[in-house]
Amino acid sequence: MSGAAVARAVDDLYQRAVADPYGIDDTALEEWMVEAGERLGGVVDKPTMKVLRRVLRDARKLAAYWTAHDSAALPDWRLGVDEALGSRGWEPHLDLVSAALADNPTRELFEDMRSRYRAVHFQPWMEGVSYEEWVAAGG
């Protein structure tokens, strides 16, 4: 699979850490890491491994934060990530999607990059530029 699939898996892990922080333990994180490696085809380069290790640290931080707070009142789990980690919590997602977009650009990845970039940097990325225009300009 791809970095985009792993970014979605990070979303799932973070959502679990916010909604059920007691379920995030060493075993759950180890299982998640194995699954992430499988989604990447079993071979994980050093930069990607660094991102995945950060994901595990951030998932632990999220779980620790939400064991001491009540996430039930949150209208969206993403707000729980923002509250506990700030915009830096979204950086691993952006790194994974950015690498996937560089390796194999698709319209879906382009749009995913656009939304994740805004979540991390609080500013638009390629606003007013279509996927086709971006590809034509050399992506």
N, C-alpha and C. Protein backbone atom coordinates (compact mmCIF):
# COMPACT_ATOMS: atom_id res chain seq x y z
N MET A 1 0.84 -1.17 0.00
CA MET A 1 0.00 0.00 0.00
C MET A 1 0.89 1.23 0.00
N SER A 2 0.42 2.27 0.63
CA SER A 2 1.15 3.53 0.48
C SER A 2 1.17 4.33 1.76
N GLY A 3 1.92 5.41 1.69
CA GLY A 3 1.94 6.35 2.80
C GLY A 3 0.57 6.93 3.08
N ALA A 4 -0.26 7.06 2.04
CA ALA A 4 -1.61 7.58 2.25
C ALA A 4 -2.43 6.61 3.08
N ALA A 5 -2.28 5.31 2.83
CA ALA A 5 -2.99 4.30 3.62
C ALA A 5 -2.51 4.33 5.06
N VAL A 6 -1.23 4.55 5.26
CA VAL A 6 -0.69 4.63 6.62
C VAL A 6 -1.19 5.91 7.29
N ALA A 7 -1.30 7.01 6.55
CA ALA A 7 -1.83 8.24 7.13
C ALA A 7 -3.26 8.02 7.62
N ARG A 8 -4.05 7.26 6.88
CA ARG A 8 -5.41 6.93 7.33
C ARG A 8 -5.36 6.04 8.56
N ALA A 9 -4.37 5.15 8.62
CA ALA A 9 -4.21 4.30 9.80
C ALA A 9 -3.80 5.15 11.02
N VAL A 10 -3.02 6.20 10.79
CA VAL A 10 -2.66 7.11 11.87
C VAL A 10 -3.93 7.81 12.38
N ASP A 11 -4.78 8.23 11.45
CA ASP A 11 -6.06 8.82 11.85
C ASP A 11 -6.81 7.87 12.77
N ASP A 12 -6.88 6.60 12.37
CA ASP A 12 -7.60 5.60 13.18
C ASP A 12 -6.97 5.44 14.56
N LEU A 13 -5.64 5.40 14.61
CA LEU A 13 -4.95 5.26 15.89
C LEU A 13 -5.20 6.47 16.78
N TYR A 14 -5.08 7.65 16.23
CA TYR A 14 -5.32 8.86 17.01
C TYR A 14 -6.77 8.92 17.50
N GLN A 15 -7.69 8.53 16.65
CA GLN A 15 -9.10 8.53 17.05
C GLN A 15 -9.30 7.58 18.24
N ARG A 16 -8.68 6.40 18.17
CA ARG A 16 -8.76 5.45 19.29
C ARG A 16 -8.14 6.05 20.55
N ALA A 17 -7.02 6.73 20.41
CA ALA A 17 -6.34 7.31 21.57
C ALA A 17 -7.20 8.38 22.25
N VAL A 18 -7.98 9.11 21.47
CA VAL A 18 -8.87 10.13 22.04
C VAL A 18 -10.11 9.48 22.63
N ALA A 19 -10.74 8.59 21.90
CA ALA A 19 -12.02 8.01 22.32
C ALA A 19 -11.87 6.93 23.38
N ASP A 20 -10.80 6.15 23.31
CA ASP A 20 -10.58 5.05 24.25
C ASP A 20 -9.12 5.01 24.68
N PRO A 21 -8.69 5.99 25.43
CA PRO A 21 -7.26 6.10 25.76
C PRO A 21 -6.72 4.90 26.53
N TYR A 22 -7.57 4.22 27.28
CA TYR A 22 -7.10 3.05 28.04
C TYR A 22 -6.78 1.87 27.13
N GLY A 23 -7.25 1.91 25.89
CA GLY A 23 -6.96 0.85 24.93
C GLY A 23 -5.63 1.01 24.22
N ILE A 24 -4.96 2.11 24.48
CA ILE A 24 -3.67 2.37 23.85
C ILE A 24 -2.58 1.95 24.83
N ASP A 25 -2.07 0.75 24.61
CA ASP A 25 -1.00 0.22 25.45
C ASP A 25 0.10 -0.32 24.54
N ASP A 26 1.13 -0.89 25.12
CA ASP A 26 2.26 -1.39 24.33
C ASP A 26 1.82 -2.40 23.29
N THR A 27 0.91 -3.30 23.65
CA THR A 27 0.45 -4.32 22.72
C THR A 27 -0.29 -3.69 21.54
N ALA A 28 -1.19 -2.76 21.82
CA ALA A 28 -1.95 -2.10 20.75
C ALA A 28 -1.02 -1.34 19.82
N LEU A 29 -0.04 -0.67 20.38
CA LEU A 29 0.90 0.10 19.55
C LEU A 29 1.80 -0.81 18.73
N GLU A 30 2.21 -1.91 19.31
CA GLU A 30 3.02 -2.88 18.56
C GLU A 30 2.22 -3.45 17.39
N GLU A 31 0.97 -3.81 17.64
CA GLU A 31 0.11 -4.33 16.57
C GLU A 31 -0.09 -3.29 15.48
N TRP A 32 -0.27 -2.04 15.90
CA TRP A 32 -0.46 -0.97 14.92
C TRP A 32 0.79 -0.82 14.05
N MET A 33 1.95 -0.89 14.67
CA MET A 33 3.21 -0.72 13.93
C MET A 33 3.39 -1.85 12.92
N VAL A 34 3.05 -3.07 13.29
CA VAL A 34 3.14 -4.19 12.37
C VAL A 34 2.21 -3.96 11.19
N GLU A 35 0.99 -3.53 11.47
CA GLU A 35 0.03 -3.26 10.40
C GLU A 35 0.52 -2.14 9.48
N ALA A 36 1.08 -1.10 10.07
CA ALA A 36 1.61 0.01 9.26
C ALA A 36 2.71 -0.49 8.34
N GLY A 37 3.60 -1.33 8.87
CA GLY A 37 4.66 -1.91 8.04
C GLY A 37 4.11 -2.74 6.90
N GLU A 38 3.06 -3.50 7.18
CA GLU A 38 2.43 -4.30 6.13
C GLU A 38 1.80 -3.41 5.07
N ARG A 39 1.17 -2.32 5.49
CA ARG A 39 0.56 -1.40 4.52
C ARG A 39 1.61 -0.76 3.62
N LEU A 40 2.83 -0.67 4.14
CA LEU A 40 3.92 -0.10 3.35
C LEU A 40 4.67 -1.16 2.55
N GLY A 41 4.16 -2.37 2.54
CA GLY A 41 4.78 -3.42 1.75
C GLY A 41 5.88 -4.16 2.48
N GLY A 42 5.99 -3.97 3.78
CA GLY A 42 6.97 -4.70 4.57
C GLY A 42 8.35 -4.08 4.63
N VAL A 43 8.62 -3.12 3.78
CA VAL A 43 9.92 -2.45 3.77
C VAL A 43 9.69 -0.99 4.11
N VAL A 44 10.30 -0.55 5.21
CA VAL A 44 10.10 0.83 5.66
C VAL A 44 11.45 1.52 5.69
N ASP A 45 11.56 2.61 4.93
CA ASP A 45 12.83 3.35 4.90
C ASP A 45 13.01 4.15 6.20
N LYS A 46 14.22 4.65 6.40
CA LYS A 46 14.55 5.35 7.65
C LYS A 46 13.67 6.59 7.88
N PRO A 47 13.46 7.45 6.87
CA PRO A 47 12.62 8.63 7.13
C PRO A 47 11.19 8.25 7.53
N THR A 48 10.65 7.22 6.89
CA THR A 48 9.29 6.80 7.23
C THR A 48 9.26 6.17 8.62
N MET A 49 10.28 5.40 8.95
CA MET A 49 10.34 4.80 10.29
C MET A 49 10.40 5.89 11.36
N LYS A 50 11.11 6.95 11.08
CA LYS A 50 11.18 8.07 12.02
C LYS A 50 9.79 8.66 12.24
N VAL A 51 9.03 8.82 11.16
CA VAL A 51 7.66 9.34 11.26
C VAL A 51 6.80 8.39 12.07
N LEU A 52 6.92 7.08 11.81
CA LEU A 52 6.11 6.10 12.53
C LEU A 52 6.44 6.07 14.02
N ARG A 53 7.70 6.23 14.36
CA ARG A 53 8.06 6.29 15.79
C ARG A 53 7.45 7.53 16.44
N ARG A 54 7.42 8.62 15.70
CA ARG A 54 6.78 9.84 16.22
C ARG A 54 5.29 9.60 16.43
N VAL A 55 4.66 8.90 15.51
CA VAL A 55 3.24 8.58 15.65
C VAL A 55 2.99 7.82 16.95
N LEU A 56 3.84 6.84 17.24
CA LEU A 56 3.68 6.07 18.47
C LEU A 56 3.83 6.97 19.70
N ARG A 57 4.83 7.84 19.70
CA ARG A 57 5.01 8.76 20.83
C ARG A 57 3.79 9.67 20.99
N ASP A 58 3.30 10.19 19.86
CA ASP A 58 2.14 11.08 19.91
C ASP A 58 0.89 10.34 20.36
N ALA A 59 0.73 9.10 19.94
CA ALA A 59 -0.43 8.31 20.38
C ALA A 59 -0.38 8.09 21.89
N ARG A 60 0.81 7.85 22.42
CA ARG A 60 0.97 7.71 23.88
C ARG A 60 0.61 9.02 24.59
N LYS A 61 1.07 10.14 24.03
CA LYS A 61 0.76 11.44 24.63
C LYS A 61 -0.75 11.70 24.60
N LEU A 62 -1.36 11.40 23.47
CA LEU A 62 -2.81 11.56 23.36
C LEU A 62 -3.54 10.74 24.41
N ALA A 63 -3.17 9.47 24.49
CA ALA A 63 -3.83 8.58 25.44
C ALA A 63 -3.62 9.07 26.87
N ALA A 64 -2.41 9.50 27.19
CA ALA A 64 -2.14 10.00 28.55
C ALA A 64 -2.99 11.23 28.85
N TYR A 65 -3.08 12.12 27.88
CA TYR A 65 -3.88 13.33 28.07
C TYR A 65 -5.35 12.98 28.29
N TRP A 66 -5.87 12.09 27.44
CA TRP A 66 -7.30 11.80 27.51
C TRP A 66 -7.68 10.83 28.62
N THR A 67 -6.72 10.20 29.27
CA THR A 67 -7.08 9.45 30.48
C THR A 67 -7.35 10.41 31.63
N ALA A 68 -6.79 11.60 31.55
CA ALA A 68 -7.00 12.60 32.59
C ALA A 68 -8.12 13.60 32.26
N HIS A 69 -8.67 13.51 31.06
CA HIS A 69 -9.72 14.43 30.61
C HIS A 69 -10.86 13.61 30.01
N ASP A 70 -12.01 14.26 29.85
CA ASP A 70 -13.17 13.58 29.29
C ASP A 70 -13.36 13.97 27.83
N SER A 71 -13.17 13.01 26.94
CA SER A 71 -13.31 13.29 25.51
C SER A 71 -14.74 13.15 25.03
N ALA A 72 -15.65 12.71 25.89
CA ALA A 72 -17.03 12.47 25.48
C ALA A 72 -17.73 13.73 25.00
N ALA A 73 -17.33 14.87 25.50
CA ALA A 73 -17.98 16.13 25.12
C ALA A 73 -17.46 16.70 23.79
N LEU A 74 -16.42 16.10 23.25
CA LEU A 74 -15.85 16.61 22.00
C LEU A 74 -16.81 16.34 20.84
N PRO A 75 -17.07 17.34 20.00
CA PRO A 75 -17.92 17.08 18.83
C PRO A 75 -17.21 16.28 17.73
N ASP A 76 -15.89 16.27 17.76
CA ASP A 76 -15.10 15.55 16.76
C ASP A 76 -13.77 15.16 17.40
N TRP A 77 -13.35 13.92 17.17
CA TRP A 77 -12.10 13.44 17.77
C TRP A 77 -10.90 14.28 17.36
N ARG A 78 -10.95 14.89 16.17
CA ARG A 78 -9.83 15.70 15.70
C ARG A 78 -9.55 16.88 16.64
N LEU A 79 -10.61 17.39 17.23
CA LEU A 79 -10.45 18.46 18.21
C LEU A 79 -9.68 17.97 19.43
N GLY A 80 -9.81 16.69 19.73
CA GLY A 80 -9.05 16.09 20.83
C GLY A 80 -7.57 16.05 20.53
N VAL A 81 -7.22 15.82 19.27
CA VAL A 81 -5.81 15.86 18.86
C VAL A 81 -5.30 17.29 18.97
N ASP A 82 -6.10 18.24 18.47
CA ASP A 82 -5.71 19.64 18.55
C ASP A 82 -5.49 20.08 19.99
N GLU A 83 -6.41 19.68 20.87
CA GLU A 83 -6.32 20.09 22.27
C GLU A 83 -5.08 19.49 22.95
N ALA A 84 -4.82 18.25 22.70
CA ALA A 84 -3.72 17.57 23.39
C ALA A 84 -2.35 17.84 22.77
N LEU A 85 -2.29 17.91 21.44
CA LEU A 85 -0.99 18.00 20.76
C LEU A 85 -0.78 19.29 19.97
N GLY A 86 -1.84 20.02 19.72
CA GLY A 86 -1.73 21.20 18.86
C GLY A 86 -1.52 20.80 17.42
N SER A 87 -1.18 21.75 16.59
CA SER A 87 -1.01 21.47 15.17
C SER A 87 0.14 20.51 14.89
N ARG A 88 1.11 20.44 15.79
CA ARG A 88 2.24 19.52 15.60
C ARG A 88 1.79 18.06 15.57
N GLY A 89 0.65 17.79 16.18
CA GLY A 89 0.14 16.43 16.16
C GLY A 89 -0.22 15.94 14.77
N TRP A 90 -0.45 16.86 13.87
CA TRP A 90 -0.82 16.49 12.49
C TRP A 90 0.39 16.39 11.56
N GLU A 91 1.58 16.76 12.02
CA GLU A 91 2.76 16.73 11.16
C GLU A 91 3.08 15.34 10.60
N PRO A 92 2.97 14.26 11.38
CA PRO A 92 3.27 12.95 10.79
C PRO A 92 2.35 12.60 9.61
N HIS A 93 1.09 13.00 9.72
CA HIS A 93 0.16 12.76 8.61
C HIS A 93 0.64 13.49 7.36
N LEU A 94 0.99 14.75 7.56
CA LEU A 94 1.45 15.56 6.43
C LEU A 94 2.70 14.96 5.81
N ASP A 95 3.63 14.50 6.63
CA ASP A 95 4.86 13.88 6.12
C ASP A 95 4.55 12.64 5.28
N LEU A 96 3.63 11.81 5.76
CA LEU A 96 3.29 10.58 5.04
C LEU A 96 2.58 10.88 3.73
N VAL A 97 1.65 11.81 3.75
CA VAL A 97 0.91 12.16 2.53
C VAL A 97 1.83 12.87 1.53
N SER A 98 2.70 13.73 2.03
CA SER A 98 3.63 14.43 1.16
C SER A 98 4.55 13.44 0.42
N ALA A 99 5.06 12.45 1.15
CA ALA A 99 5.92 11.44 0.52
C ALA A 99 5.13 10.61 -0.49
N ALA A 100 3.90 10.26 -0.15
CA ALA A 100 3.07 9.48 -1.08
C ALA A 100 2.76 10.29 -2.33
N LEU A 101 2.49 11.58 -2.16
CA LEU A 101 2.20 12.45 -3.30
C LEU A 101 3.42 12.58 -4.21
N ALA A 102 4.60 12.65 -3.63
CA ALA A 102 5.83 12.75 -4.42
C ALA A 102 6.10 11.46 -5.18
N ASP A 103 5.77 10.31 -4.56
CA ASP A 103 6.04 9.00 -5.18
C ASP A 103 5.05 8.65 -6.26
N ASN A 104 3.77 8.93 -6.01
CA ASN A 104 2.72 8.50 -6.93
C ASN A 104 1.55 9.48 -6.84
N PRO A 105 1.66 10.63 -7.51
CA PRO A 105 0.63 11.65 -7.38
C PRO A 105 -0.73 11.20 -7.91
N THR A 106 -1.74 11.48 -7.11
CA THR A 106 -3.13 11.25 -7.52
C THR A 106 -3.95 12.46 -7.07
N ARG A 107 -5.12 12.59 -7.64
CA ARG A 107 -6.02 13.68 -7.25
C ARG A 107 -6.37 13.57 -5.77
N GLU A 108 -6.63 12.35 -5.30
CA GLU A 108 -6.98 12.12 -3.90
C GLU A 108 -5.85 12.58 -2.97
N LEU A 109 -4.62 12.21 -3.30
CA LEU A 109 -3.49 12.63 -2.48
C LEU A 109 -3.29 14.13 -2.52
N PHE A 110 -3.50 14.73 -3.67
CA PHE A 110 -3.38 16.17 -3.81
C PHE A 110 -4.35 16.87 -2.87
N GLU A 111 -5.61 16.42 -2.87
CA GLU A 111 -6.61 17.02 -1.99
C GLU A 111 -6.31 16.72 -0.52
N ASP A 112 -5.82 15.53 -0.24
CA ASP A 112 -5.45 15.17 1.13
C ASP A 112 -4.30 16.06 1.60
N MET A 113 -3.33 16.27 0.75
CA MET A 113 -2.20 17.15 1.07
C MET A 113 -2.70 18.56 1.36
N ARG A 114 -3.63 19.01 0.56
CA ARG A 114 -4.18 20.36 0.73
C ARG A 114 -4.80 20.53 2.13
N SER A 115 -5.61 19.57 2.53
CA SER A 115 -6.28 19.70 3.83
C SER A 115 -5.31 19.50 4.99
N ARG A 116 -4.39 18.55 4.87
CA ARG A 116 -3.45 18.29 5.96
C ARG A 116 -2.43 19.43 6.11
N TYR A 117 -2.04 20.04 5.00
CA TYR A 117 -1.12 21.17 5.06
C TYR A 117 -1.75 22.31 5.86
N ARG A 118 -3.01 22.58 5.59
CA ARG A 118 -3.72 23.65 6.30
C ARG A 118 -3.80 23.35 7.80
N ALA A 119 -4.01 22.09 8.16
CA ALA A 119 -4.12 21.71 9.58
C ALA A 119 -2.81 21.94 10.32
N VAL A 120 -1.69 21.77 9.64
CA VAL A 120 -0.37 21.93 10.29
C VAL A 120 0.11 23.37 10.25
N HIS A 121 -0.05 24.02 9.10
CA HIS A 121 0.56 25.34 8.91
C HIS A 121 -0.42 26.52 8.99
N PHE A 122 -1.71 26.23 9.10
CA PHE A 122 -2.74 27.27 9.20
C PHE A 122 -2.73 28.22 8.01
N GLN A 123 -2.35 27.70 6.88
CA GLN A 123 -2.39 28.48 5.64
C GLN A 123 -2.63 27.52 4.49
N PRO A 124 -3.14 28.03 3.39
CA PRO A 124 -3.47 27.15 2.27
C PRO A 124 -2.23 26.64 1.55
N TRP A 125 -2.42 25.53 0.86
CA TRP A 125 -1.40 24.96 -0.01
C TRP A 125 -2.04 24.78 -1.38
N MET A 126 -1.45 25.37 -2.38
CA MET A 126 -1.91 25.28 -3.76
C MET A 126 -3.36 25.75 -3.92
N GLU A 127 -3.74 26.74 -3.13
CA GLU A 127 -5.10 27.27 -3.24
C GLU A 127 -5.29 27.90 -4.61
N GLY A 128 -6.40 27.58 -5.23
CA GLY A 128 -6.70 28.10 -6.56
C GLY A 128 -6.02 27.34 -7.68
N VAL A 129 -5.28 26.30 -7.34
CA VAL A 129 -4.59 25.48 -8.34
C VAL A 129 -5.27 24.12 -8.38
N SER A 130 -5.65 23.69 -9.57
CA SER A 130 -6.27 22.38 -9.72
C SER A 130 -5.19 21.30 -9.76
N TYR A 131 -5.61 20.09 -9.56
CA TYR A 131 -4.69 18.95 -9.65
C TYR A 131 -4.04 18.92 -11.02
N GLU A 132 -4.84 19.11 -12.06
CA GLU A 132 -4.32 19.07 -13.43
C GLU A 132 -3.27 20.16 -13.66
N GLU A 133 -3.52 21.35 -13.13
CA GLU A 133 -2.56 22.45 -13.27
C GLU A 133 -1.27 22.13 -12.51
N TRP A 134 -1.42 21.54 -11.35
CA TRP A 134 -0.26 21.18 -10.53
C TRP A 134 0.60 20.14 -11.26
N VAL A 135 -0.05 19.12 -11.83
CA VAL A 135 0.67 18.09 -12.56
C VAL A 135 1.36 18.68 -13.79
N ALA A 136 0.63 19.53 -14.51
CA ALA A 136 1.20 20.16 -15.71
C ALA A 136 2.42 21.01 -15.39
N ALA A 137 2.44 21.60 -14.19
CA ALA A 137 3.57 22.44 -13.78
C ALA A 137 4.73 21.61 -13.23
N GLY A 138 4.57 20.31 -13.22
CA GLY A 138 5.66 19.44 -12.77
C GLY A 138 5.50 18.93 -11.35
N GLY A 139 4.35 19.24 -10.74
CA GLY A 139 4.01 18.75 -9.41
C GLY A 139 5.10 18.91 -8.48
